[in-house]
Amino acid sequence: MRFQQVPLRPRLLIAVGLLMALLPNLFAQYLKLPDFFHGSLIGVGLGLEYYGFILLRRLRKAGSSC
């Protein structure tokens, strides 16, 4: 299988989503975060990751031709 370069936008969305999903858990050890803020950051982070994976799948389908 040939290595294909992944475009910047999906990689960036996945990376930012991972950070947004993990940082509230790390901050919760040192700071008291409100539940709404904690849940919102995790939810937006997971949404960004999901959107990044959707973009990757669309780009791979558009790039592959049989």
C-alpha atoms as a PDB file:
ATOM      1  CA  MET A   1       0.000   0.000   0.000  1.00  0.00           C
ATOM      2  CA  ARG A   2       1.345   3.382  -0.999  1.00  0.00           C
ATOM      3  CA  PHE A   3       1.677   6.159   1.580  1.00  0.00           C
ATOM      4  CA  GLN A   4      -0.614   9.076   0.872  1.00  0.00           C
ATOM      5  CA  GLN A   5      -0.037  12.534   2.292  1.00  0.00           C
ATOM      6  CA  VAL A   6      -2.894  13.559   4.547  1.00  0.00           C
ATOM      7  CA  PRO A   7      -4.017  17.177   4.012  1.00  0.00           C
ATOM      8  CA  LEU A   8      -3.477  19.717   6.774  1.00  0.00           C
ATOM      9  CA  ARG A   9      -7.115  20.518   7.568  1.00  0.00           C
ATOM     10  CA  PRO A  10      -8.217  17.020   8.715  1.00  0.00           C
ATOM     11  CA  ARG A  11      -4.975  16.522  10.649  1.00  0.00           C
ATOM     12  CA  LEU A  12      -5.427  19.859  12.372  1.00  0.00           C
ATOM     13  CA  LEU A  13      -9.066  19.141  13.255  1.00  0.00           C
ATOM     14  CA  ILE A  14      -8.161  15.760  14.748  1.00  0.00           C
ATOM     15  CA  ALA A  15      -5.231  17.203  16.723  1.00  0.00           C
ATOM     16  CA  VAL A  16      -7.238  20.125  18.114  1.00  0.00           C
ATOM     17  CA  GLY A  17     -10.122  17.782  18.915  1.00  0.00           C
ATOM     18  CA  LEU A  18      -7.824  15.483  20.856  1.00  0.00           C
ATOM     19  CA  LEU A  19      -6.422  18.398  22.828  1.00  0.00           C
ATOM     20  CA  MET A  20      -9.871  19.766  23.598  1.00  0.00           C
ATOM     21  CA  ALA A  21     -11.085  16.356  24.728  1.00  0.00           C
ATOM     22  CA  LEU A  22      -8.058  15.699  26.974  1.00  0.00           C
ATOM     23  CA  LEU A  23      -7.181  19.082  28.457  1.00  0.00           C
ATOM     24  CA  PRO A  24     -10.281  19.461  30.670  1.00  0.00           C
ATOM     25  CA  ASN A  25      -9.412  16.170  32.358  1.00  0.00           C
ATOM     26  CA  LEU A  26      -5.868  17.365  33.014  1.00  0.00           C
ATOM     27  CA  PHE A  27      -7.037  20.755  34.278  1.00  0.00           C
ATOM     28  CA  ALA A  28      -9.563  19.100  36.579  1.00  0.00           C
ATOM     29  CA  GLN A  29      -6.697  17.712  38.645  1.00  0.00           C
ATOM     30  CA  TYR A  30      -5.453  21.210  39.479  1.00  0.00           C
ATOM     31  CA  LEU A  31      -8.498  23.462  39.059  1.00  0.00           C
ATOM     32  CA  LYS A  32     -12.174  23.112  39.816  1.00  0.00           C
ATOM     33  CA  LEU A  33     -13.979  23.384  36.477  1.00  0.00           C
ATOM     34  CA  PRO A  34     -17.745  23.754  36.275  1.00  0.00           C
ATOM     35  CA  ASP A  35     -19.461  20.692  34.842  1.00  0.00           C
ATOM     36  CA  PHE A  36     -20.948  22.663  31.966  1.00  0.00           C
ATOM     37  CA  PHE A  37     -17.522  23.958  30.883  1.00  0.00           C
ATOM     38  CA  HIS A  38     -15.924  20.524  31.284  1.00  0.00           C
ATOM     39  CA  GLY A  39     -18.628  18.761  29.286  1.00  0.00           C
ATOM     40  CA  SER A  40     -18.744  21.440  26.606  1.00  0.00           C
ATOM     41  CA  LEU A  41     -15.019  21.243  25.925  1.00  0.00           C
ATOM     42  CA  ILE A  42     -15.083  17.469  25.722  1.00  0.00           C
ATOM     43  CA  GLY A  43     -18.124  17.511  23.448  1.00  0.00           C
ATOM     44  CA  VAL A  44     -16.684  20.100  21.072  1.00  0.00           C
ATOM     45  CA  GLY A  45     -13.378  18.214  21.009  1.00  0.00           C
ATOM     46  CA  LEU A  46     -15.070  14.947  20.106  1.00  0.00           C
ATOM     47  CA  GLY A  47     -17.110  16.737  17.451  1.00  0.00           C
ATOM     48  CA  LEU A  48     -13.960  18.184  15.865  1.00  0.00           C
ATOM     49  CA  GLU A  49     -12.307  14.768  15.840  1.00  0.00           C
ATOM     50  CA  TYR A  50     -15.355  13.198  14.247  1.00  0.00           C
ATOM     51  CA  TYR A  51     -15.504  15.931  11.601  1.00  0.00           C
ATOM     52  CA  GLY A  52     -11.797  15.456  10.849  1.00  0.00           C
ATOM     53  CA  PHE A  53     -12.290  11.718  10.334  1.00  0.00           C
ATOM     54  CA  ILE A  54     -15.280  12.398   8.057  1.00  0.00           C
ATOM     55  CA  LEU A  55     -13.131  14.736   5.960  1.00  0.00           C
ATOM     56  CA  LEU A  56     -10.397  12.097   5.741  1.00  0.00           C
ATOM     57  CA  ARG A  57     -12.859   9.480   4.562  1.00  0.00           C
ATOM     58  CA  ARG A  58     -14.316  11.837   1.944  1.00  0.00           C
ATOM     59  CA  LEU A  59     -10.878  12.740   0.635  1.00  0.00           C
ATOM     60  CA  ARG A  60      -9.848   9.081   0.392  1.00  0.00           C
ATOM     61  CA  LYS A  61     -13.039   8.181  -1.468  1.00  0.00           C
ATOM     62  CA  ALA A  62     -12.568  11.084  -3.882  1.00  0.00           C
ATOM     63  CA  GLY A  63      -8.902  10.241  -4.434  1.00  0.00           C
ATOM     64  CA  SER A  64      -9.320   6.540  -5.110  1.00  0.00           C
ATOM     65  CA  SER A  65     -10.450   5.509  -8.564  1.00  0.00           C
ATOM     66  CA  CYS A  66     -11.091   1.998  -9.797  1.00  0.00           C
END
